[in-house]
């Protein structure tokens, strides 16, 4: 594999995760501004992109194939869960979500 081919292979992994994470964060801030007022857009976007990349990586490792629709579904689910964790954390009522404890 040439370095250029390796670069494009990494970009084909990173770009969908960045796009899904960024769009999820922007849509969440736009639809529910009151719930995400305490969280800045770059912080919400970074967490959403990281969760999206993690979901995509786990799906590729488990399925042993890149580009399957389940991998993209995993990206969306992980991105939505990370945004939901930020929304739950910003509300005055404290709800214990075990999956979101690392954000505290």
PDB file of N, CA and C in Angstrom:
ATOM      1  N   UNK A   1       0.849  -1.168   0.000  1.00  0.00           N
ATOM      2  CA  UNK A   1       0.000   0.000   0.000  1.00  0.00           C
ATOM      3  C   UNK A   1       0.896   1.233   0.000  1.00  0.00           C
ATOM      4  N   UNK A   2       0.605   2.136  -0.886  1.00  0.00           N
ATOM      5  CA  UNK A   2       1.378   3.368  -0.968  1.00  0.00           C
ATOM      6  C   UNK A   2       0.927   4.324   0.136  1.00  0.00           C
ATOM      7  N   UNK A   3       1.771   5.300   0.472  1.00  0.00           N
ATOM      8  CA  UNK A   3       1.366   6.264   1.510  1.00  0.00           C
ATOM      9  C   UNK A   3       0.102   7.051   1.131  1.00  0.00           C
ATOM     10  N   UNK A   4      -0.039   7.368  -0.137  1.00  0.00           N
ATOM     11  CA  UNK A   4      -1.226   8.104  -0.566  1.00  0.00           C
ATOM     12  C   UNK A   4      -2.484   7.244  -0.419  1.00  0.00           C
ATOM     13  N   UNK A   5      -2.380   5.990  -0.769  1.00  0.00           N
ATOM     14  CA  UNK A   5      -3.511   5.082  -0.619  1.00  0.00           C
ATOM     15  C   UNK A   5      -3.857   4.874   0.856  1.00  0.00           C
ATOM     16  N   UNK A   6      -2.821   4.792   1.701  1.00  0.00           N
ATOM     17  CA  UNK A   6      -3.056   4.690   3.142  1.00  0.00           C
ATOM     18  C   UNK A   6      -3.734   5.922   3.707  1.00  0.00           C
ATOM     19  N   UNK A   7      -3.321   7.094   3.219  1.00  0.00           N
ATOM     20  CA  UNK A   7      -3.939   8.343   3.652  1.00  0.00           C
ATOM     21  C   UNK A   7      -5.427   8.362   3.303  1.00  0.00           C
ATOM     22  N   UNK A   8      -5.766   7.997   2.081  1.00  0.00           N
ATOM     23  CA  UNK A   8      -7.165   8.009   1.662  1.00  0.00           C
ATOM     24  C   UNK A   8      -7.971   6.948   2.383  1.00  0.00           C
ATOM     25  N   UNK A   9      -7.338   5.857   2.739  1.00  0.00           N
ATOM     26  CA  UNK A   9      -8.027   4.827   3.509  1.00  0.00           C
ATOM     27  C   UNK A   9      -8.393   5.354   4.901  1.00  0.00           C
ATOM     28  N   UNK A  10      -7.464   6.056   5.539  1.00  0.00           N
ATOM     29  CA  UNK A  10      -7.749   6.659   6.848  1.00  0.00           C
ATOM     30  C   UNK A  10      -8.809   7.756   6.741  1.00  0.00           C
ATOM     31  N   UNK A  11      -8.761   8.528   5.664  1.00  0.00           N
ATOM     32  CA  UNK A  11      -9.750   9.589   5.489  1.00  0.00           C
ATOM     33  C   UNK A  11     -11.146   9.012   5.252  1.00  0.00           C
ATOM     34  N   UNK A  12     -11.225   7.886   4.563  1.00  0.00           N
ATOM     35  CA  UNK A  12     -12.543   7.283   4.352  1.00  0.00           C
ATOM     36  C   UNK A  12     -13.111   6.724   5.653  1.00  0.00           C
ATOM     37  N   UNK A  13     -12.251   6.510   6.633  1.00  0.00           N
ATOM     38  CA  UNK A  13     -12.720   6.127   7.964  1.00  0.00           C
ATOM     39  C   UNK A  13     -13.118   7.352   8.776  1.00  0.00           C
ATOM     40  N   UNK A  14     -12.318   8.419   8.704  1.00  0.00           N
ATOM     41  CA  UNK A  14     -12.519   9.564   9.589  1.00  0.00           C
ATOM     42  C   UNK A  14     -13.607  10.516   9.118  1.00  0.00           C
ATOM     43  N   UNK A  15     -13.717  10.735   7.829  1.00  0.00           N
ATOM     44  CA  UNK A  15     -14.646  11.751   7.335  1.00  0.00           C
ATOM     45  C   UNK A  15     -16.111  11.426   7.656  1.00  0.00           C
ATOM     46  N   UNK A  16     -16.595  10.194   7.459  1.00  0.00           N
ATOM     47  CA  UNK A  16     -17.994   9.940   7.847  1.00  0.00           C
ATOM     48  C   UNK A  16     -18.250  10.144   9.343  1.00  0.00           C
ATOM     49  N   UNK A  17     -17.304   9.750  10.179  1.00  0.00           N
ATOM     50  CA  UNK A  17     -17.482   9.932  11.624  1.00  0.00           C
ATOM     51  C   UNK A  17     -17.501  11.410  11.989  1.00  0.00           C
ATOM     52  N   UNK A  18     -16.633  12.201  11.373  1.00  0.00           N
ATOM     53  CA  UNK A  18     -16.623  13.640  11.642  1.00  0.00           C
ATOM     54  C   UNK A  18     -17.896  14.308  11.136  1.00  0.00           C
ATOM     55  N   UNK A  19     -18.357  13.899   9.976  1.00  0.00           N
ATOM     56  CA  UNK A  19     -19.570  14.499   9.413  1.00  0.00           C
ATOM     57  C   UNK A  19     -20.797  14.163  10.256  1.00  0.00           C
ATOM     58  N   UNK A  20     -20.949  12.905  10.632  1.00  0.00           N
ATOM     59  CA  UNK A  20     -22.110  12.504  11.432  1.00  0.00           C
ATOM     60  C   UNK A  20     -22.061  13.165  12.806  1.00  0.00           C
ATOM     61  N   UNK A  21     -20.898  13.164  13.440  1.00  0.00           N
ATOM     62  CA  UNK A  21     -20.779  13.782  14.761  1.00  0.00           C
ATOM     63  C   UNK A  21     -21.034  15.272  14.740  1.00  0.00           C
ATOM     64  N   UNK A  22     -20.461  15.941  13.764  1.00  0.00           N
ATOM     65  CA  UNK A  22     -20.662  17.387  13.660  1.00  0.00           C
ATOM     66  C   UNK A  22     -22.093  17.759  13.351  1.00  0.00           C
ATOM     67  N   UNK A  23     -22.702  17.044  12.419  1.00  0.00           N
ATOM     68  CA  UNK A  23     -24.092  17.336  12.082  1.00  0.00           C
ATOM     69  C   UNK A  23     -25.039  17.023  13.238  1.00  0.00           C
ATOM     70  N   UNK A  24     -24.767  15.969  13.958  1.00  0.00           N
ATOM     71  CA  UNK A  24     -25.606  15.636  15.116  1.00  0.00           C
ATOM     72  C   UNK A  24     -25.540  16.744  16.165  1.00  0.00           C
ATOM     73  N   UNK A  25     -24.340  17.240  16.417  1.00  0.00           N
ATOM     74  CA  UNK A  25     -24.177  18.306  17.407  1.00  0.00           C
ATOM     75  C   UNK A  25     -24.864  19.598  16.951  1.00  0.00           C
ATOM     76  N   UNK A  26     -24.692  19.953  15.682  1.00  0.00           N
ATOM     77  CA  UNK A  26     -25.321  21.183  15.194  1.00  0.00           C
ATOM     78  C   UNK A  26     -26.844  21.085  15.190  1.00  0.00           C
ATOM     79  N   UNK A  27     -27.366  19.945  14.786  1.00  0.00           N
ATOM     80  CA  UNK A  27     -28.816  19.767  14.780  1.00  0.00           C
ATOM     81  C   UNK A  27     -29.366  19.794  16.209  1.00  0.00           C
ATOM     82  N   UNK A  28     -28.657  19.179  17.133  1.00  0.00           N
ATOM     83  CA  UNK A  28     -29.114  19.186  18.531  1.00  0.00           C
ATOM     84  C   UNK A  28     -29.112  20.596  19.104  1.00  0.00           C
ATOM     85  N   UNK A  29     -28.069  21.369  18.823  1.00  0.00           N
ATOM     86  CA  UNK A  29     -28.021  22.748  19.324  1.00  0.00           C
ATOM     87  C   UNK A  29     -29.106  23.604  18.679  1.00  0.00           C
ATOM     88  N   UNK A  30     -29.438  23.303  17.441  1.00  0.00           N
ATOM     89  CA  UNK A  30     -30.440  24.092  16.723  1.00  0.00           C
ATOM     90  C   UNK A  30     -31.862  23.738  17.167  1.00  0.00           C
ATOM     91  N   UNK A  31     -32.133  22.459  17.375  1.00  0.00           N
ATOM     92  CA  UNK A  31     -33.486  22.029  17.729  1.00  0.00           C
ATOM     93  C   UNK A  31     -33.799  22.299  19.200  1.00  0.00           C
ATOM     94  N   UNK A  32     -32.847  22.028  20.083  1.00  0.00           N
ATOM     95  CA  UNK A  32     -33.063  22.190  21.526  1.00  0.00           C
ATOM     96  C   UNK A  32     -32.029  23.137  22.133  1.00  0.00           C
ATOM     97  N   UNK A  33     -32.102  24.417  21.845  1.00  0.00           N
ATOM     98  CA  UNK A  33     -31.073  25.328  22.357  1.00  0.00           C
ATOM     99  C   UNK A  33     -31.077  25.480  23.873  1.00  0.00           C
ATOM    100  N   UNK A  34     -32.249  25.344  24.508  1.00  0.00           N
ATOM    101  CA  UNK A  34     -32.319  25.521  25.954  1.00  0.00           C
ATOM    102  C   UNK A  34     -31.598  24.401  26.697  1.00  0.00           C
ATOM    103  N   UNK A  35     -31.702  23.178  26.186  1.00  0.00           N
ATOM    104  CA  UNK A  35     -31.070  22.042  26.858  1.00  0.00           C
ATOM    105  C   UNK A  35     -29.551  22.054  26.715  1.00  0.00           C
ATOM    106  N   UNK A  36     -29.052  22.649  25.639  1.00  0.00           N
ATOM    107  CA  UNK A  36     -27.610  22.628  25.381  1.00  0.00           C
ATOM    108  C   UNK A  36     -26.969  24.008  25.575  1.00  0.00           C
ATOM    109  N   UNK A  37     -27.638  24.882  26.301  1.00  0.00           N
ATOM    110  CA  UNK A  37     -27.101  26.226  26.520  1.00  0.00           C
ATOM    111  C   UNK A  37     -25.794  26.191  27.305  1.00  0.00           C
ATOM    112  N   UNK A  38     -25.674  25.271  28.238  1.00  0.00           N
ATOM    113  CA  UNK A  38     -24.473  25.202  29.079  1.00  0.00           C
ATOM    114  C   UNK A  38     -23.281  24.578  28.359  1.00  0.00           C
ATOM    115  N   UNK A  39     -23.516  23.933  27.230  1.00  0.00           N
ATOM    116  CA  UNK A  39     -22.454  23.241  26.508  1.00  0.00           C
ATOM    117  C   UNK A  39     -22.134  23.999  25.227  1.00  0.00           C
ATOM    118  N   UNK A  40     -20.851  24.238  24.981  1.00  0.00           N
ATOM    119  CA  UNK A  40     -20.460  24.923  23.758  1.00  0.00           C
ATOM    120  C   UNK A  40     -20.562  23.966  22.575  1.00  0.00           C
ATOM    121  N   UNK A  41     -20.733  24.538  21.400  1.00  0.00           N
ATOM    122  CA  UNK A  41     -20.865  23.717  20.187  1.00  0.00           C
ATOM    123  C   UNK A  41     -19.601  22.913  19.890  1.00  0.00           C
ATOM    124  N   UNK A  42     -18.388  23.486  20.029  1.00  0.00           N
ATOM    125  CA  UNK A  42     -17.195  22.663  19.759  1.00  0.00           C
ATOM    126  C   UNK A  42     -17.047  21.486  20.725  1.00  0.00           C
ATOM    127  N   UNK A  43     -17.405  21.681  21.982  1.00  0.00           N
ATOM    128  CA  UNK A  43     -17.299  20.581  22.950  1.00  0.00           C
ATOM    129  C   UNK A  43     -18.321  19.488  22.648  1.00  0.00           C
ATOM    130  N   UNK A  44     -19.537  19.893  22.337  1.00  0.00           N
ATOM    131  CA  UNK A  44     -20.566  18.926  21.979  1.00  0.00           C
ATOM    132  C   UNK A  44     -20.203  18.206  20.687  1.00  0.00           C
ATOM    133  N   UNK A  45     -19.666  18.947  19.722  1.00  0.00           N
ATOM    134  CA  UNK A  45     -19.250  18.347  18.462  1.00  0.00           C
ATOM    135  C   UNK A  45     -18.092  17.388  18.622  1.00  0.00           C
ATOM    136  N   UNK A  46     -17.127  17.738  19.456  1.00  0.00           N
ATOM    137  CA  UNK A  46     -15.976  16.861  19.674  1.00  0.00           C
ATOM    138  C   UNK A  46     -16.396  15.555  20.341  1.00  0.00           C
ATOM    139  N   UNK A  47     -17.262  15.645  21.332  1.00  0.00           N
ATOM    140  CA  UNK A  47     -17.735  14.429  22.002  1.00  0.00           C
ATOM    141  C   UNK A  47     -18.566  13.572  21.055  1.00  0.00           C
ATOM    142  N   UNK A  48     -19.378  14.218  20.250  1.00  0.00           N
ATOM    143  CA  UNK A  48     -20.207  13.493  19.301  1.00  0.00           C
ATOM    144  C   UNK A  48     -19.363  12.833  18.205  1.00  0.00           C
ATOM    145  N   UNK A  49     -18.347  13.535  17.721  1.00  0.00           N
ATOM    146  CA  UNK A  49     -17.452  12.963  16.706  1.00  0.00           C
ATOM    147  C   UNK A  49     -16.652  11.792  17.275  1.00  0.00           C
ATOM    148  N   UNK A  50     -16.178  11.937  18.506  1.00  0.00           N
ATOM    149  CA  UNK A  50     -15.415  10.844  19.127  1.00  0.00           C
ATOM    150  C   UNK A  50     -16.303   9.617  19.335  1.00  0.00           C
ATOM    151  N   UNK A  51     -17.531   9.831  19.779  1.00  0.00           N
ATOM    152  CA  UNK A  51     -18.449   8.704  19.964  1.00  0.00           C
ATOM    153  C   UNK A  51     -18.803   8.060  18.634  1.00  0.00           C
ATOM    154  N   UNK A  52     -18.971   8.879  17.621  1.00  0.00           N
ATOM    155  CA  UNK A  52     -19.285   8.357  16.293  1.00  0.00           C
ATOM    156  C   UNK A  52     -18.129   7.522  15.748  1.00  0.00           C
ATOM    157  N   UNK A  53     -16.912   8.002  15.911  1.00  0.00           N
ATOM    158  CA  UNK A  53     -15.737   7.251  15.453  1.00  0.00           C
ATOM    159  C   UNK A  53     -15.573   5.954  16.230  1.00  0.00           C
ATOM    160  N   UNK A  54     -15.838   6.000  17.523  1.00  0.00           N
ATOM    161  CA  UNK A  54     -15.748   4.793  18.342  1.00  0.00           C
ATOM    162  C   UNK A  54     -16.793   3.760  17.922  1.00  0.00           C
ATOM    163  N   UNK A  55     -18.008   4.200  17.662  1.00  0.00           N
ATOM    164  CA  UNK A  55     -19.040   3.295  17.195  1.00  0.00           C
ATOM    165  C   UNK A  55     -18.707   2.685  15.851  1.00  0.00           C
ATOM    166  N   UNK A  56     -18.148   3.492  14.969  1.00  0.00           N
ATOM    167  CA  UNK A  56     -17.756   2.995  13.647  1.00  0.00           C
ATOM    168  C   UNK A  56     -16.613   1.996  13.761  1.00  0.00           C
ATOM    169  N   UNK A  57     -15.635   2.301  14.603  1.00  0.00           N
ATOM    170  CA  UNK A  57     -14.495   1.404  14.791  1.00  0.00           C
ATOM    171  C   UNK A  57     -14.941   0.075  15.394  1.00  0.00           C
ATOM    172  N   UNK A  58     -15.789   0.114  16.397  1.00  0.00           N
ATOM    173  CA  UNK A  58     -16.278  -1.127  17.013  1.00  0.00           C
ATOM    174  C   UNK A  58     -17.068  -1.962  16.019  1.00  0.00           C
ATOM    175  N   UNK A  59     -17.857  -1.305  15.204  1.00  0.00           N
ATOM    176  CA  UNK A  59     -18.635  -2.031  14.215  1.00  0.00           C
ATOM    177  C   UNK A  59     -17.737  -2.671  13.160  1.00  0.00           C
ATOM    178  N   UNK A  60     -16.718  -1.972  12.732  1.00  0.00           N
ATOM    179  CA  UNK A  60     -15.792  -2.538  11.744  1.00  0.00           C
ATOM    180  C   UNK A  60     -15.018  -3.703  12.344  1.00  0.00           C
ATOM    181  N   UNK A  61     -14.624  -3.585  13.607  1.00  0.00           N
ATOM    182  CA  UNK A  61     -13.885  -4.678  14.254  1.00  0.00           C
ATOM    183  C   UNK A  61     -14.784  -5.901  14.420  1.00  0.00           C
ATOM    184  N   UNK A  62     -16.022  -5.688  14.843  1.00  0.00           N
ATOM    185  CA  UNK A  62     -16.929  -6.820  15.064  1.00  0.00           C
ATOM    186  C   UNK A  62     -17.378  -7.477  13.755  1.00  0.00           C
ATOM    187  N   UNK A  63     -17.645  -6.663  12.731  1.00  0.00           N
ATOM    188  CA  UNK A  63     -18.158  -7.195  11.475  1.00  0.00           C
ATOM    189  C   UNK A  63     -17.054  -7.591  10.491  1.00  0.00           C
ATOM    190  N   UNK A  64     -15.852  -7.102  10.739  1.00  0.00           N
ATOM    191  CA  UNK A  64     -14.694  -7.370   9.884  1.00  0.00           C
ATOM    192  C   UNK A  64     -14.903  -6.919   8.438  1.00  0.00           C
ATOM    193  N   UNK A  65     -15.698  -5.867   8.263  1.00  0.00           N
ATOM    194  CA  UNK A  65     -15.927  -5.340   6.922  1.00  0.00           C
ATOM    195  C   UNK A  65     -16.274  -3.865   7.030  1.00  0.00           C
ATOM    196  N   UNK A  66     -15.693  -3.075   6.163  1.00  0.00           N
ATOM    197  CA  UNK A  66     -15.919  -1.630   6.174  1.00  0.00           C
ATOM    198  C   UNK A  66     -17.048  -1.285   5.205  1.00  0.00           C
ATOM    199  N   UNK A  67     -17.825  -0.277   5.529  1.00  0.00           N
ATOM    200  CA  UNK A  67     -18.835   0.220   4.619  1.00  0.00           C
ATOM    201  C   UNK A  67     -20.196  -0.440   4.720  1.00  0.00           C
ATOM    202  N   UNK A  68     -20.418  -1.250   5.730  1.00  0.00           N
ATOM    203  CA  UNK A  68     -21.738  -1.872   5.890  1.00  0.00           C
ATOM    204  C   UNK A  68     -22.692  -0.870   6.540  1.00  0.00           C
ATOM    205  N   UNK A  69     -23.961  -1.019   6.262  1.00  0.00           N
ATOM    206  CA  UNK A  69     -24.956  -0.095   6.802  1.00  0.00           C
ATOM    207  C   UNK A  69     -25.037  -0.173   8.322  1.00  0.00           C
ATOM    208  N   UNK A  70     -24.734  -1.330   8.887  1.00  0.00           N
ATOM    209  CA  UNK A  70     -24.758  -1.434  10.345  1.00  0.00           C
ATOM    210  C   UNK A  70     -23.661  -0.578  10.978  1.00  0.00           C
ATOM    211  N   UNK A  71     -22.551  -0.398  10.266  1.00  0.00           N
ATOM    212  CA  UNK A  71     -21.492   0.469  10.779  1.00  0.00           C
ATOM    213  C   UNK A  71     -21.969   1.915  10.832  1.00  0.00           C
ATOM    214  N   UNK A  72     -22.685   2.337   9.815  1.00  0.00           N
ATOM    215  CA  UNK A  72     -23.209   3.700   9.812  1.00  0.00           C
ATOM    216  C   UNK A  72     -24.325   3.864  10.839  1.00  0.00           C
ATOM    217  N   UNK A  73     -25.107   2.827  11.055  1.00  0.00           N
ATOM    218  CA  UNK A  73     -26.131   2.876  12.096  1.00  0.00           C
ATOM    219  C   UNK A  73     -25.489   2.975  13.475  1.00  0.00           C
ATOM    220  N   UNK A  74     -24.388   2.269  13.677  1.00  0.00           N
ATOM    221  CA  UNK A  74     -23.668   2.353  14.950  1.00  0.00           C
ATOM    222  C   UNK A  74     -23.128   3.756  15.170  1.00  0.00           C
ATOM    223  N   UNK A  75     -22.654   4.400  14.095  1.00  0.00           N
ATOM    224  CA  UNK A  75     -22.182   5.788  14.211  1.00  0.00           C
ATOM    225  C   UNK A  75     -23.314   6.698  14.670  1.00  0.00           C
ATOM    226  N   UNK A  76     -24.474   6.565  14.076  1.00  0.00           N
ATOM    227  CA  UNK A  76     -25.602   7.417  14.439  1.00  0.00           C
ATOM    228  C   UNK A  76     -26.055   7.179  15.871  1.00  0.00           C
ATOM    229  N   UNK A  77     -26.131   5.922  16.271  1.00  0.00           N
ATOM    230  CA  UNK A  77     -26.580   5.602  17.629  1.00  0.00           C
ATOM    231  C   UNK A  77     -25.601   6.146  18.664  1.00  0.00           C
ATOM    232  N   UNK A  78     -24.316   5.919  18.456  1.00  0.00           N
ATOM    233  CA  UNK A  78     -23.316   6.402  19.423  1.00  0.00           C
ATOM    234  C   UNK A  78     -23.287   7.922  19.484  1.00  0.00           C
ATOM    235  N   UNK A  79     -23.432   8.574  18.347  1.00  0.00           N
ATOM    236  CA  UNK A  79     -23.461  10.028  18.325  1.00  0.00           C
ATOM    237  C   UNK A  79     -24.695  10.560  19.057  1.00  0.00           C
ATOM    238  N   UNK A  80     -25.841   9.937  18.833  1.00  0.00           N
ATOM    239  CA  UNK A  80     -27.069  10.366  19.505  1.00  0.00           C
ATOM    240  C   UNK A  80     -26.996  10.135  21.014  1.00  0.00           C
ATOM    241  N   UNK A  81     -26.387   9.028  21.424  1.00  0.00           N
ATOM    242  CA  UNK A  81     -26.255   8.745  22.860  1.00  0.00           C
ATOM    243  C   UNK A  81     -25.343   9.769  23.530  1.00  0.00           C
ATOM    244  N   UNK A  82     -24.268  10.150  22.856  1.00  0.00           N
ATOM    245  CA  UNK A  82     -23.369  11.143  23.458  1.00  0.00           C
ATOM    246  C   UNK A  82     -24.063  12.495  23.591  1.00  0.00           C
ATOM    247  N   UNK A  83     -24.847  12.882  22.602  1.00  0.00           N
ATOM    248  CA  UNK A  83     -25.592  14.143  22.684  1.00  0.00           C
ATOM    249  C   UNK A  83     -26.648  14.062  23.786  1.00  0.00           C
ATOM    250  N   UNK A  84     -27.302  12.910  23.908  1.00  0.00           N
ATOM    251  CA  UNK A  84     -28.301  12.734  24.964  1.00  0.00           C
ATOM    252  C   UNK A  84     -27.664  12.808  26.346  1.00  0.00           C
ATOM    253  N   UNK A  85     -26.442  12.316  26.474  1.00  0.00           N
ATOM    254  CA  UNK A  85     -25.743  12.409  27.761  1.00  0.00           C
ATOM    255  C   UNK A  85     -25.490  13.858  28.140  1.00  0.00           C
ATOM    256  N   UNK A  86     -25.126  14.682  27.163  1.00  0.00           N
ATOM    257  CA  UNK A  86     -24.932  16.106  27.448  1.00  0.00           C
ATOM    258  C   UNK A  86     -26.250  16.780  27.786  1.00  0.00           C
ATOM    259  N   UNK A  87     -27.335  16.397  27.138  1.00  0.00           N
ATOM    260  CA  UNK A  87     -28.642  16.991  27.431  1.00  0.00           C
ATOM    261  C   UNK A  87     -29.095  16.613  28.832  1.00  0.00           C
ATOM    262  N   UNK A  88     -28.894  15.368  29.219  1.00  0.00           N
ATOM    263  CA  UNK A  88     -29.280  14.925  30.557  1.00  0.00           C
ATOM    264  C   UNK A  88     -28.458  15.628  31.629  1.00  0.00           C
ATOM    265  N   UNK A  89     -27.186  15.876  31.330  1.00  0.00           N
ATOM    266  CA  UNK A  89     -26.313  16.496  32.312  1.00  0.00           C
ATOM    267  C   UNK A  89     -26.653  17.959  32.528  1.00  0.00           C
ATOM    268  N   UNK A  90     -27.214  18.612  31.517  1.00  0.00           N
ATOM    269  CA  UNK A  90     -27.501  20.037  31.622  1.00  0.00           C
ATOM    270  C   UNK A  90     -28.817  20.332  32.328  1.00  0.00           C
ATOM    271  N   UNK A  91     -29.677  19.342  32.467  1.00  0.00           N
ATOM    272  CA  UNK A  91     -30.961  19.581  33.108  1.00  0.00           C
ATOM    273  C   UNK A  91     -30.790  19.667  34.624  1.00  0.00           C
ATOM    274  N   UNK A  92     -31.648  20.426  35.308  1.00  0.00           N
ATOM    275  CA  UNK A  92     -31.502  20.551  36.753  1.00  0.00           C
ATOM    276  C   UNK A  92     -31.808  19.270  37.522  1.00  0.00           C
ATOM    277  N   UNK A  93     -32.651  18.403  36.976  1.00  0.00           N
ATOM    278  CA  UNK A  93     -32.958  17.137  37.630  1.00  0.00           C
ATOM    279  C   UNK A  93     -31.831  16.156  37.313  1.00  0.00           C
ATOM    280  N   UNK A  94     -31.227  15.603  38.331  1.00  0.00           N
ATOM    281  CA  UNK A  94     -30.110  14.689  38.134  1.00  0.00           C
ATOM    282  C   UNK A  94     -30.635  13.286  37.870  1.00  0.00           C
ATOM    283  N   UNK A  95     -30.355  12.780  36.690  1.00  0.00           N
ATOM    284  CA  UNK A  95     -30.752  11.436  36.305  1.00  0.00           C
ATOM    285  C   UNK A  95     -29.481  10.623  36.152  1.00  0.00           C
ATOM    286  N   UNK A  96     -29.408   9.487  36.816  1.00  0.00           N
ATOM    287  CA  UNK A  96     -28.206   8.652  36.753  1.00  0.00           C
ATOM    288  C   UNK A  96     -28.274   7.768  35.513  1.00  0.00           C
ATOM    289  N   UNK A  97     -27.362   8.019  34.573  1.00  0.00           N
ATOM    290  CA  UNK A  97     -27.234   7.195  33.378  1.00  0.00           C
ATOM    291  C   UNK A  97     -25.850   6.563  33.462  1.00  0.00           C
ATOM    292  N   UNK A  98     -25.760   5.266  33.720  1.00  0.00           N
ATOM    293  CA  UNK A  98     -24.449   4.643  33.912  1.00  0.00           C
ATOM    294  C   UNK A  98     -23.513   4.804  32.725  1.00  0.00           C
ATOM    295  N   UNK A  99     -24.033   4.823  31.499  1.00  0.00           N
ATOM    296  CA  UNK A  99     -23.172   4.945  30.335  1.00  0.00           C
ATOM    297  C   UNK A  99     -22.559   6.324  30.207  1.00  0.00           C
ATOM    298  N   UNK A 100     -23.118   7.314  30.908  1.00  0.00           N
ATOM    299  CA  UNK A 100     -22.649   8.692  30.775  1.00  0.00           C
ATOM    300  C   UNK A 100     -21.792   9.151  31.954  1.00  0.00           C
ATOM    301  N   UNK A 101     -21.376   8.262  32.815  1.00  0.00           N
ATOM    302  CA  UNK A 101     -20.627   8.650  34.005  1.00  0.00           C
ATOM    303  C   UNK A 101     -19.254   9.220  33.648  1.00  0.00           C
ATOM    304  N   UNK A 102     -18.681   8.837  32.509  1.00  0.00           N
ATOM    305  CA  UNK A 102     -17.358   9.319  32.143  1.00  0.00           C
ATOM    306  C   UNK A 102     -17.373  10.805  31.783  1.00  0.00           C
ATOM    307  N   UNK A 103     -18.538  11.391  31.539  1.00  0.00           N
ATOM    308  CA  UNK A 103     -18.624  12.810  31.191  1.00  0.00           C
ATOM    309  C   UNK A 103     -18.598  13.715  32.408  1.00  0.00           C
ATOM    310  N   UNK A 104     -18.764  13.165  33.585  1.00  0.00           N
ATOM    311  CA  UNK A 104     -18.822  13.977  34.803  1.00  0.00           C
ATOM    312  C   UNK A 104     -17.455  14.464  35.215  1.00  0.00           C
TER     313      UNK A 104
END
